[in-house]
């Protein structure tokens, strides 16, 4: 694409089908159990409990091939964050993403 005005400027653009994961680096976090526990009474519906949602999250994760980002493609910024997490003694690591063939 080219933006027009006083000068030409090339603009990178693309198309895709996705949603939040498409524009957010394919990040694929599960809804935390604490959130699901709060939804269940609020919605008065056990279908949103962690027990009910767990198998659904598992199935979707399998279909879209969610996996932890491989170290070799993580990038130095991500590895720096992981080193900081380790040094602080916190829990964490590379993010789950649905990018099975990412190179």
PDB file of N, CA and C in Angstrom:
ATOM      1  N   UNK A   1       0.847  -1.184   0.000  1.00  0.00           N
ATOM      2  CA  UNK A   1       0.000   0.000   0.000  1.00  0.00           C
ATOM      3  C   UNK A   1       0.885   1.237   0.000  1.00  0.00           C
ATOM      4  N   UNK A   2       0.349   2.281  -0.516  1.00  0.00           N
ATOM      5  CA  UNK A   2       1.072   3.557  -0.495  1.00  0.00           C
ATOM      6  C   UNK A   2       0.127   4.621   0.036  1.00  0.00           C
ATOM      7  N   UNK A   3       0.616   5.383   1.016  1.00  0.00           N
ATOM      8  CA  UNK A   3      -0.153   6.521   1.527  1.00  0.00           C
ATOM      9  C   UNK A   3       0.177   7.720   0.642  1.00  0.00           C
ATOM     10  N   UNK A   4      -0.829   8.480   0.330  1.00  0.00           N
ATOM     11  CA  UNK A   4      -0.604   9.627  -0.540  1.00  0.00           C
ATOM     12  C   UNK A   4      -0.801  10.920   0.244  1.00  0.00           C
ATOM     13  N   UNK A   5      -0.049  11.879  -0.106  1.00  0.00           N
ATOM     14  CA  UNK A   5      -0.103  13.193   0.526  1.00  0.00           C
ATOM     15  C   UNK A   5       0.976  14.020  -0.130  1.00  0.00           C
ATOM     16  N   UNK A   6       1.736  14.749   0.669  1.00  0.00           N
ATOM     17  CA  UNK A   6       2.838  15.532   0.113  1.00  0.00           C
ATOM     18  C   UNK A   6       3.962  14.647  -0.423  1.00  0.00           C
ATOM     19  N   UNK A   7       4.033  13.420   0.107  1.00  0.00           N
ATOM     20  CA  UNK A   7       5.040  12.474  -0.377  1.00  0.00           C
ATOM     21  C   UNK A   7       4.453  11.067  -0.295  1.00  0.00           C
ATOM     22  N   UNK A   8       5.097  10.139  -0.971  1.00  0.00           N
ATOM     23  CA  UNK A   8       4.647   8.747  -0.925  1.00  0.00           C
ATOM     24  C   UNK A   8       5.287   8.056   0.272  1.00  0.00           C
ATOM     25  N   UNK A   9       4.507   7.211   0.950  1.00  0.00           N
ATOM     26  CA  UNK A   9       5.041   6.453   2.071  1.00  0.00           C
ATOM     27  C   UNK A   9       4.502   5.032   1.984  1.00  0.00           C
ATOM     28  N   UNK A  10       5.398   4.045   1.887  1.00  0.00           N
ATOM     29  CA  UNK A  10       4.913   2.663   1.860  1.00  0.00           C
ATOM     30  C   UNK A  10       4.387   2.258   3.235  1.00  0.00           C
ATOM     31  N   UNK A  11       3.313   1.496   3.252  1.00  0.00           N
ATOM     32  CA  UNK A  11       2.700   1.035   4.498  1.00  0.00           C
ATOM     33  C   UNK A  11       2.523  -0.475   4.403  1.00  0.00           C
ATOM     34  N   UNK A  12       3.051  -1.185   5.403  1.00  0.00           N
ATOM     35  CA  UNK A  12       2.861  -2.630   5.451  1.00  0.00           C
ATOM     36  C   UNK A  12       1.432  -2.920   5.884  1.00  0.00           C
ATOM     37  N   UNK A  13       0.773  -3.838   5.202  1.00  0.00           N
ATOM     38  CA  UNK A  13      -0.603  -4.184   5.540  1.00  0.00           C
ATOM     39  C   UNK A  13      -0.831  -5.647   5.204  1.00  0.00           C
ATOM     40  N   UNK A  14      -1.853  -6.190   5.792  1.00  0.00           N
ATOM     41  CA  UNK A  14      -2.175  -7.577   5.516  1.00  0.00           C
ATOM     42  C   UNK A  14      -3.622  -7.868   5.833  1.00  0.00           C
ATOM     43  N   UNK A  15      -4.027  -9.103   5.592  1.00  0.00           N
ATOM     44  CA  UNK A  15      -5.386  -9.535   5.879  1.00  0.00           C
ATOM     45  C   UNK A  15      -5.330 -10.860   6.605  1.00  0.00           C
ATOM     46  N   UNK A  16      -6.358 -11.133   7.362  1.00  0.00           N
ATOM     47  CA  UNK A  16      -6.412 -12.412   8.038  1.00  0.00           C
ATOM     48  C   UNK A  16      -7.765 -12.627   8.691  1.00  0.00           C
ATOM     49  N   UNK A  17      -8.004 -13.846   9.074  1.00  0.00           N
ATOM     50  CA  UNK A  17      -9.214 -14.194   9.793  1.00  0.00           C
ATOM     51  C   UNK A  17      -8.766 -14.596  11.184  1.00  0.00           C
ATOM     52  N   UNK A  18      -9.337 -14.002  12.194  1.00  0.00           N
ATOM     53  CA  UNK A  18      -8.907 -14.346  13.541  1.00  0.00           C
ATOM     54  C   UNK A  18      -9.709 -13.588  14.559  1.00  0.00           C
ATOM     55  N   UNK A  19      -9.206 -12.538  14.987  1.00  0.00           N
ATOM     56  CA  UNK A  19      -9.812 -11.790  16.071  1.00  0.00           C
ATOM     57  C   UNK A  19      -8.701 -11.346  16.980  1.00  0.00           C
ATOM     58  N   UNK A  20      -8.950 -11.408  18.268  1.00  0.00           N
ATOM     59  CA  UNK A  20      -7.959 -10.952  19.229  1.00  0.00           C
ATOM     60  C   UNK A  20      -6.618 -11.636  19.109  1.00  0.00           C
ATOM     61  N   UNK A  21      -6.619 -12.950  18.900  1.00  0.00           N
ATOM     62  CA  UNK A  21      -5.334 -13.651  18.827  1.00  0.00           C
ATOM     63  C   UNK A  21      -4.553 -13.279  17.571  1.00  0.00           C
ATOM     64  N   UNK A  22      -5.246 -12.941  16.493  1.00  0.00           N
ATOM     65  CA  UNK A  22      -4.564 -12.566  15.261  1.00  0.00           C
ATOM     66  C   UNK A  22      -3.784 -11.268  15.447  1.00  0.00           C
ATOM     67  N   UNK A  23      -4.364 -10.299  16.099  1.00  0.00           N
ATOM     68  CA  UNK A  23      -3.699  -9.003  16.250  1.00  0.00           C
ATOM     69  C   UNK A  23      -2.903  -8.899  17.541  1.00  0.00           C
ATOM     70  N   UNK A  24      -2.954  -9.898  18.373  1.00  0.00           N
ATOM     71  CA  UNK A  24      -2.222  -9.886  19.640  1.00  0.00           C
ATOM     72  C   UNK A  24      -1.212 -11.019  19.698  1.00  0.00           C
ATOM     73  N   UNK A  25      -0.446 -11.188  18.640  1.00  0.00           N
ATOM     74  CA  UNK A  25       0.654 -12.157  18.581  1.00  0.00           C
ATOM     75  C   UNK A  25       0.212 -13.592  18.805  1.00  0.00           C
ATOM     76  N   UNK A  26      -1.022 -13.923  18.526  1.00  0.00           N
ATOM     77  CA  UNK A  26      -1.555 -15.281  18.684  1.00  0.00           C
ATOM     78  C   UNK A  26      -1.522 -15.753  20.131  1.00  0.00           C
ATOM     79  N   UNK A  27      -1.468 -14.816  21.071  1.00  0.00           N
ATOM     80  CA  UNK A  27      -1.466 -15.186  22.490  1.00  0.00           C
ATOM     81  C   UNK A  27      -2.752 -15.909  22.825  1.00  0.00           C
ATOM     82  N   UNK A  28      -2.638 -16.983  23.591  1.00  0.00           N
ATOM     83  CA  UNK A  28      -3.790 -17.841  23.866  1.00  0.00           C
ATOM     84  C   UNK A  28      -3.842 -18.215  25.344  1.00  0.00           C
ATOM     85  N   UNK A  29      -4.210 -17.265  26.155  1.00  0.00           N
ATOM     86  CA  UNK A  29      -4.323 -17.512  27.598  1.00  0.00           C
ATOM     87  C   UNK A  29      -5.712 -18.035  27.932  1.00  0.00           C
ATOM     88  N   UNK A  30      -5.781 -18.952  28.872  1.00  0.00           N
ATOM     89  CA  UNK A  30      -7.074 -19.441  29.371  1.00  0.00           C
ATOM     90  C   UNK A  30      -7.643 -18.414  30.345  1.00  0.00           C
ATOM     91  N   UNK A  31      -8.939 -18.372  30.430  1.00  0.00           N
ATOM     92  CA  UNK A  31      -9.584 -17.552  31.453  1.00  0.00           C
ATOM     93  C   UNK A  31      -9.213 -18.148  32.807  1.00  0.00           C
ATOM     94  N   UNK A  32      -8.661 -17.333  33.724  1.00  0.00           N
ATOM     95  CA  UNK A  32      -8.256 -17.870  35.032  1.00  0.00           C
ATOM     96  C   UNK A  32      -9.451 -18.440  35.809  1.00  0.00           C
ATOM     97  N   UNK A  33      -9.177 -19.496  36.574  1.00  0.00           N
ATOM     98  CA  UNK A  33     -10.229 -20.110  37.384  1.00  0.00           C
ATOM     99  C   UNK A  33     -10.911 -19.097  38.292  1.00  0.00           C
ATOM    100  N   UNK A  34     -10.139 -18.150  38.834  1.00  0.00           N
ATOM    101  CA  UNK A  34     -10.733 -17.158  39.736  1.00  0.00           C
ATOM    102  C   UNK A  34     -11.802 -16.332  39.018  1.00  0.00           C
ATOM    103  N   UNK A  35     -11.572 -16.038  37.748  1.00  0.00           N
ATOM    104  CA  UNK A  35     -12.557 -15.283  36.957  1.00  0.00           C
ATOM    105  C   UNK A  35     -13.783 -16.155  36.691  1.00  0.00           C
ATOM    106  N   UNK A  36     -13.543 -17.408  36.295  1.00  0.00           N
ATOM    107  CA  UNK A  36     -14.663 -18.321  36.041  1.00  0.00           C
ATOM    108  C   UNK A  36     -15.482 -18.532  37.312  1.00  0.00           C
ATOM    109  N   UNK A  37     -14.800 -18.647  38.464  1.00  0.00           N
ATOM    110  CA  UNK A  37     -15.525 -18.795  39.740  1.00  0.00           C
ATOM    111  C   UNK A  37     -16.417 -17.582  40.009  1.00  0.00           C
ATOM    112  N   UNK A  38     -15.984 -16.403  39.594  1.00  0.00           N
ATOM    113  CA  UNK A  38     -16.815 -15.205  39.812  1.00  0.00           C
ATOM    114  C   UNK A  38     -17.979 -15.133  38.823  1.00  0.00           C
ATOM    115  N   UNK A  39     -17.800 -15.681  37.624  1.00  0.00           N
ATOM    116  CA  UNK A  39     -18.865 -15.642  36.618  1.00  0.00           C
ATOM    117  C   UNK A  39     -20.008 -16.586  36.964  1.00  0.00           C
ATOM    118  N   UNK A  40     -19.676 -17.746  37.521  1.00  0.00           N
ATOM    119  CA  UNK A  40     -20.691 -18.775  37.769  1.00  0.00           C
ATOM    120  C   UNK A  40     -21.864 -18.243  38.596  1.00  0.00           C
ATOM    121  N   UNK A  41     -21.625 -17.644  39.788  1.00  0.00           N
ATOM    122  CA  UNK A  41     -22.772 -17.124  40.542  1.00  0.00           C
ATOM    123  C   UNK A  41     -23.381 -15.875  39.898  1.00  0.00           C
ATOM    124  N   UNK A  42     -22.542 -15.070  39.294  1.00  0.00           N
ATOM    125  CA  UNK A  42     -23.036 -13.846  38.667  1.00  0.00           C
ATOM    126  C   UNK A  42     -24.033 -14.174  37.555  1.00  0.00           C
ATOM    127  N   UNK A  43     -23.707 -15.191  36.758  1.00  0.00           N
ATOM    128  CA  UNK A  43     -24.564 -15.591  35.648  1.00  0.00           C
ATOM    129  C   UNK A  43     -25.582 -16.657  36.045  1.00  0.00           C
ATOM    130  N   UNK A  44     -25.436 -17.142  37.274  1.00  0.00           N
ATOM    131  CA  UNK A  44     -26.298 -18.219  37.787  1.00  0.00           C
ATOM    132  C   UNK A  44     -26.325 -19.387  36.813  1.00  0.00           C
ATOM    133  N   UNK A  45     -25.109 -19.804  36.409  1.00  0.00           N
ATOM    134  CA  UNK A  45     -24.989 -20.837  35.393  1.00  0.00           C
ATOM    135  C   UNK A  45     -23.673 -21.583  35.585  1.00  0.00           C
ATOM    136  N   UNK A  46     -23.761 -22.867  35.923  1.00  0.00           N
ATOM    137  CA  UNK A  46     -22.583 -23.701  36.143  1.00  0.00           C
ATOM    138  C   UNK A  46     -21.787 -23.984  34.872  1.00  0.00           C
ATOM    139  N   UNK A  47     -22.339 -23.661  33.721  1.00  0.00           N
ATOM    140  CA  UNK A  47     -21.616 -23.911  32.472  1.00  0.00           C
ATOM    141  C   UNK A  47     -20.351 -23.068  32.355  1.00  0.00           C
ATOM    142  N   UNK A  48     -20.221 -22.039  33.212  1.00  0.00           N
ATOM    143  CA  UNK A  48     -19.048 -21.176  33.168  1.00  0.00           C
ATOM    144  C   UNK A  48     -18.058 -21.486  34.282  1.00  0.00           C
ATOM    145  N   UNK A  49     -18.257 -22.579  34.993  1.00  0.00           N
ATOM    146  CA  UNK A  49     -17.350 -22.964  36.072  1.00  0.00           C
ATOM    147  C   UNK A  49     -16.051 -23.512  35.472  1.00  0.00           C
ATOM    148  N   UNK A  50     -14.956 -23.478  36.235  1.00  0.00           N
ATOM    149  CA  UNK A  50     -13.709 -24.065  35.734  1.00  0.00           C
ATOM    150  C   UNK A  50     -13.873 -25.540  35.357  1.00  0.00           C
ATOM    151  N   UNK A  51     -14.665 -26.281  36.119  1.00  0.00           N
ATOM    152  CA  UNK A  51     -14.891 -27.700  35.841  1.00  0.00           C
ATOM    153  C   UNK A  51     -15.546 -27.890  34.482  1.00  0.00           C
ATOM    154  N   UNK A  52     -16.505 -27.035  34.148  1.00  0.00           N
ATOM    155  CA  UNK A  52     -17.211 -27.150  32.865  1.00  0.00           C
ATOM    156  C   UNK A  52     -16.384 -26.590  31.703  1.00  0.00           C
ATOM    157  N   UNK A  53     -15.660 -25.518  31.948  1.00  0.00           N
ATOM    158  CA  UNK A  53     -14.912 -24.867  30.869  1.00  0.00           C
ATOM    159  C   UNK A  53     -13.592 -25.557  30.558  1.00  0.00           C
ATOM    160  N   UNK A  54     -13.006 -26.262  31.531  1.00  0.00           N
ATOM    161  CA  UNK A  54     -11.713 -26.913  31.324  1.00  0.00           C
ATOM    162  C   UNK A  54     -11.658 -27.791  30.085  1.00  0.00           C
ATOM    163  N   UNK A  55     -12.600 -28.736  29.941  1.00  0.00           N
ATOM    164  CA  UNK A  55     -12.566 -29.594  28.741  1.00  0.00           C
ATOM    165  C   UNK A  55     -12.760 -28.817  27.437  1.00  0.00           C
ATOM    166  N   UNK A  56     -13.519 -27.745  27.491  1.00  0.00           N
ATOM    167  CA  UNK A  56     -13.726 -26.918  26.295  1.00  0.00           C
ATOM    168  C   UNK A  56     -12.425 -26.210  25.923  1.00  0.00           C
ATOM    169  N   UNK A  57     -11.748 -25.636  26.932  1.00  0.00           N
ATOM    170  CA  UNK A  57     -10.452 -25.001  26.677  1.00  0.00           C
ATOM    171  C   UNK A  57      -9.461 -26.023  26.116  1.00  0.00           C
ATOM    172  N   UNK A  58      -9.466 -27.238  26.669  1.00  0.00           N
ATOM    173  CA  UNK A  58      -8.572 -28.296  26.174  1.00  0.00           C
ATOM    174  C   UNK A  58      -8.849 -28.610  24.710  1.00  0.00           C
ATOM    175  N   UNK A  59     -10.131 -28.759  24.364  1.00  0.00           N
ATOM    176  CA  UNK A  59     -10.502 -29.101  22.996  1.00  0.00           C
ATOM    177  C   UNK A  59     -10.115 -27.991  22.012  1.00  0.00           C
ATOM    178  N   UNK A  60     -10.427 -26.761  22.361  1.00  0.00           N
ATOM    179  CA  UNK A  60     -10.083 -25.639  21.485  1.00  0.00           C
ATOM    180  C   UNK A  60      -8.568 -25.539  21.341  1.00  0.00           C
ATOM    181  N   UNK A  61      -7.847 -25.709  22.456  1.00  0.00           N
ATOM    182  CA  UNK A  61      -6.386 -25.654  22.417  1.00  0.00           C
ATOM    183  C   UNK A  61      -5.793 -26.691  21.482  1.00  0.00           C
ATOM    184  N   UNK A  62      -6.388 -27.876  21.462  1.00  0.00           N
ATOM    185  CA  UNK A  62      -5.933 -28.926  20.560  1.00  0.00           C
ATOM    186  C   UNK A  62      -6.226 -28.570  19.107  1.00  0.00           C
ATOM    187  N   UNK A  63      -7.421 -28.056  18.864  1.00  0.00           N
ATOM    188  CA  UNK A  63      -7.818 -27.715  17.491  1.00  0.00           C
ATOM    189  C   UNK A  63      -6.923 -26.632  16.913  1.00  0.00           C
ATOM    190  N   UNK A  64      -6.654 -25.577  17.678  1.00  0.00           N
ATOM    191  CA  UNK A  64      -5.845 -24.470  17.152  1.00  0.00           C
ATOM    192  C   UNK A  64      -4.365 -24.613  17.499  1.00  0.00           C
ATOM    193  N   UNK A  65      -4.002 -25.754  18.095  1.00  0.00           N
ATOM    194  CA  UNK A  65      -2.614 -26.120  18.352  1.00  0.00           C
ATOM    195  C   UNK A  65      -1.867 -25.103  19.212  1.00  0.00           C
ATOM    196  N   UNK A  66      -2.426 -24.830  20.379  1.00  0.00           N
ATOM    197  CA  UNK A  66      -1.767 -23.926  21.320  1.00  0.00           C
ATOM    198  C   UNK A  66      -0.570 -24.631  21.932  1.00  0.00           C
ATOM    199  N   UNK A  67       0.535 -23.929  21.985  1.00  0.00           N
ATOM    200  CA  UNK A  67       1.742 -24.455  22.613  1.00  0.00           C
ATOM    201  C   UNK A  67       2.571 -23.304  23.155  1.00  0.00           C
ATOM    202  N   UNK A  68       3.460 -23.625  24.076  1.00  0.00           N
ATOM    203  CA  UNK A  68       4.348 -22.599  24.616  1.00  0.00           C
ATOM    204  C   UNK A  68       5.322 -22.183  23.516  1.00  0.00           C
ATOM    205  N   UNK A  69       5.577 -20.893  23.422  1.00  0.00           N
ATOM    206  CA  UNK A  69       6.501 -20.358  22.425  1.00  0.00           C
ATOM    207  C   UNK A  69       7.848 -21.064  22.543  1.00  0.00           C
ATOM    208  N   UNK A  70       8.364 -21.512  21.421  1.00  0.00           N
ATOM    209  CA  UNK A  70       9.665 -22.179  21.429  1.00  0.00           C
ATOM    210  C   UNK A  70      10.779 -21.152  21.648  1.00  0.00           C
ATOM    211  N   UNK A  71      11.762 -21.514  22.452  1.00  0.00           N
ATOM    212  CA  UNK A  71      12.869 -20.613  22.793  1.00  0.00           C
ATOM    213  C   UNK A  71      13.559 -20.063  21.558  1.00  0.00           C
ATOM    214  N   UNK A  72      13.753 -20.907  20.540  1.00  0.00           N
ATOM    215  CA  UNK A  72      14.511 -20.470  19.360  1.00  0.00           C
ATOM    216  C   UNK A  72      13.800 -19.390  18.541  1.00  0.00           C
ATOM    217  N   UNK A  73      12.507 -19.190  18.745  1.00  0.00           N
ATOM    218  CA  UNK A  73      11.805 -18.127  18.007  1.00  0.00           C
ATOM    219  C   UNK A  73      11.288 -17.028  18.932  1.00  0.00           C
ATOM    220  N   UNK A  74      11.607 -17.113  20.216  1.00  0.00           N
ATOM    221  CA  UNK A  74      11.018 -16.199  21.197  1.00  0.00           C
ATOM    222  C   UNK A  74      11.503 -14.763  21.049  1.00  0.00           C
ATOM    223  N   UNK A  75      12.711 -14.543  20.656  1.00  0.00           N
ATOM    224  CA  UNK A  75      13.238 -13.187  20.564  1.00  0.00           C
ATOM    225  C   UNK A  75      13.874 -12.767  21.882  1.00  0.00           C
ATOM    226  N   UNK A  76      14.876 -11.934  21.772  1.00  0.00           N
ATOM    227  CA  UNK A  76      15.646 -11.536  22.952  1.00  0.00           C
ATOM    228  C   UNK A  76      14.801 -10.785  23.982  1.00  0.00           C
ATOM    229  N   UNK A  77      13.819  -9.992  23.534  1.00  0.00           N
ATOM    230  CA  UNK A  77      12.969  -9.269  24.488  1.00  0.00           C
ATOM    231  C   UNK A  77      12.200 -10.230  25.385  1.00  0.00           C
ATOM    232  N   UNK A  78      11.674 -11.308  24.804  1.00  0.00           N
ATOM    233  CA  UNK A  78      10.944 -12.298  25.594  1.00  0.00           C
ATOM    234  C   UNK A  78      11.873 -13.070  26.526  1.00  0.00           C
ATOM    235  N   UNK A  79      13.055 -13.414  26.028  1.00  0.00           N
ATOM    236  CA  UNK A  79      14.014 -14.155  26.849  1.00  0.00           C
ATOM    237  C   UNK A  79      14.507 -13.304  28.015  1.00  0.00           C
ATOM    238  N   UNK A  80      14.643 -11.997  27.795  1.00  0.00           N
ATOM    239  CA  UNK A  80      15.036 -11.079  28.870  1.00  0.00           C
ATOM    240  C   UNK A  80      13.982 -11.061  29.977  1.00  0.00           C
ATOM    241  N   UNK A  81      12.725 -11.018  29.582  1.00  0.00           N
ATOM    242  CA  UNK A  81      11.641 -11.058  30.569  1.00  0.00           C
ATOM    243  C   UNK A  81      11.691 -12.364  31.355  1.00  0.00           C
ATOM    244  N   UNK A  82      11.929 -13.481  30.667  1.00  0.00           N
ATOM    245  CA  UNK A  82      12.015 -14.789  31.351  1.00  0.00           C
ATOM    246  C   UNK A  82      13.177 -14.816  32.339  1.00  0.00           C
ATOM    247  N   UNK A  83      14.315 -14.251  31.947  1.00  0.00           N
ATOM    248  CA  UNK A  83      15.453 -14.211  32.881  1.00  0.00           C
ATOM    249  C   UNK A  83      15.111 -13.369  34.103  1.00  0.00           C
ATOM    250  N   UNK A  84      14.410 -12.260  33.904  1.00  0.00           N
ATOM    251  CA  UNK A  84      13.997 -11.414  35.023  1.00  0.00           C
ATOM    252  C   UNK A  84      13.034 -12.137  35.954  1.00  0.00           C
ATOM    253  N   UNK A  85      12.096 -12.862  35.382  1.00  0.00           N
ATOM    254  CA  UNK A  85      11.136 -13.650  36.169  1.00  0.00           C
ATOM    255  C   UNK A  85      11.881 -14.655  37.041  1.00  0.00           C
ATOM    256  N   UNK A  86      12.836 -15.368  36.418  1.00  0.00           N
ATOM    257  CA  UNK A  86      13.623 -16.368  37.160  1.00  0.00           C
ATOM    258  C   UNK A  86      14.421 -15.711  38.282  1.00  0.00           C
ATOM    259  N   UNK A  87      15.073 -14.609  37.970  1.00  0.00           N
ATOM    260  CA  UNK A  87      15.916 -13.930  38.957  1.00  0.00           C
ATOM    261  C   UNK A  87      15.086 -13.438  40.146  1.00  0.00           C
ATOM    262  N   UNK A  88      13.852 -13.022  39.886  1.00  0.00           N
ATOM    263  CA  UNK A  88      12.971 -12.557  40.961  1.00  0.00           C
ATOM    264  C   UNK A  88      12.294 -13.710  41.697  1.00  0.00           C
ATOM    265  N   UNK A  89      12.474 -14.930  41.201  1.00  0.00           N
ATOM    266  CA  UNK A  89      11.864 -16.087  41.845  1.00  0.00           C
ATOM    267  C   UNK A  89      10.362 -16.176  41.628  1.00  0.00           C
ATOM    268  N   UNK A  90       9.895 -15.566  40.534  1.00  0.00           N
ATOM    269  CA  UNK A  90       8.462 -15.582  40.231  1.00  0.00           C
ATOM    270  C   UNK A  90       8.136 -16.735  39.299  1.00  0.00           C
ATOM    271  N   UNK A  91       6.857 -17.035  39.204  1.00  0.00           N
ATOM    272  CA  UNK A  91       6.367 -18.056  38.269  1.00  0.00           C
ATOM    273  C   UNK A  91       6.090 -17.411  36.926  1.00  0.00           C
ATOM    274  N   UNK A  92       6.461 -18.050  35.876  1.00  0.00           N
ATOM    275  CA  UNK A  92       6.157 -17.496  34.560  1.00  0.00           C
ATOM    276  C   UNK A  92       7.055 -18.100  33.513  1.00  0.00           C
ATOM    277  N   UNK A  93       6.975 -17.573  32.327  1.00  0.00           N
ATOM    278  CA  UNK A  93       7.792 -18.071  31.233  1.00  0.00           C
ATOM    279  C   UNK A  93       7.247 -17.601  29.913  1.00  0.00           C
ATOM    280  N   UNK A  94       7.665 -18.282  28.868  1.00  0.00           N
ATOM    281  CA  UNK A  94       7.199 -17.923  27.530  1.00  0.00           C
ATOM    282  C   UNK A  94       5.700 -18.192  27.410  1.00  0.00           C
ATOM    283  N   UNK A  95       5.060 -17.409  26.594  1.00  0.00           N
ATOM    284  CA  UNK A  95       3.598 -17.416  26.510  1.00  0.00           C
ATOM    285  C   UNK A  95       3.044 -18.544  25.633  1.00  0.00           C
ATOM    286  N   UNK A  96       1.824 -18.988  25.955  1.00  0.00           N
ATOM    287  CA  UNK A  96       1.132 -19.938  25.075  1.00  0.00           C
ATOM    288  C   UNK A  96       0.576 -19.190  23.848  1.00  0.00           C
ATOM    289  N   UNK A  97       0.833 -19.766  22.667  1.00  0.00           N
ATOM    290  CA  UNK A  97       0.383 -19.135  21.429  1.00  0.00           C
ATOM    291  C   UNK A  97      -0.129 -20.205  20.480  1.00  0.00           C
ATOM    292  N   UNK A  98      -0.982 -19.812  19.556  1.00  0.00           N
ATOM    293  CA  UNK A  98      -1.438 -20.763  18.535  1.00  0.00           C
ATOM    294  C   UNK A  98      -0.730 -20.451  17.219  1.00  0.00           C
ATOM    295  N   UNK A  99       0.556 -20.825  17.211  1.00  0.00           N
ATOM    296  CA  UNK A  99       1.413 -20.639  16.047  1.00  0.00           C
ATOM    297  C   UNK A  99       2.214 -21.919  15.809  1.00  0.00           C
ATOM    298  N   UNK A 100       1.556 -23.023  15.467  1.00  0.00           N
ATOM    299  CA  UNK A 100       2.232 -24.323  15.419  1.00  0.00           C
ATOM    300  C   UNK A 100       3.374 -24.425  14.424  1.00  0.00           C
ATOM    301  N   UNK A 101       3.333 -23.718  13.341  1.00  0.00           N
ATOM    302  CA  UNK A 101       4.391 -23.826  12.331  1.00  0.00           C
ATOM    303  C   UNK A 101       5.224 -22.563  12.239  1.00  0.00           C
ATOM    304  N   UNK A 102       5.188 -21.739  13.272  1.00  0.00           N
ATOM    305  CA  UNK A 102       5.933 -20.481  13.269  1.00  0.00           C
ATOM    306  C   UNK A 102       7.434 -20.761  13.234  1.00  0.00           C
ATOM    307  N   UNK A 103       8.114 -20.103  12.326  1.00  0.00           N
ATOM    308  CA  UNK A 103       9.570 -20.280  12.212  1.00  0.00           C
ATOM    309  C   UNK A 103      10.258 -18.946  12.334  1.00  0.00           C
TER     310      UNK A 103
END
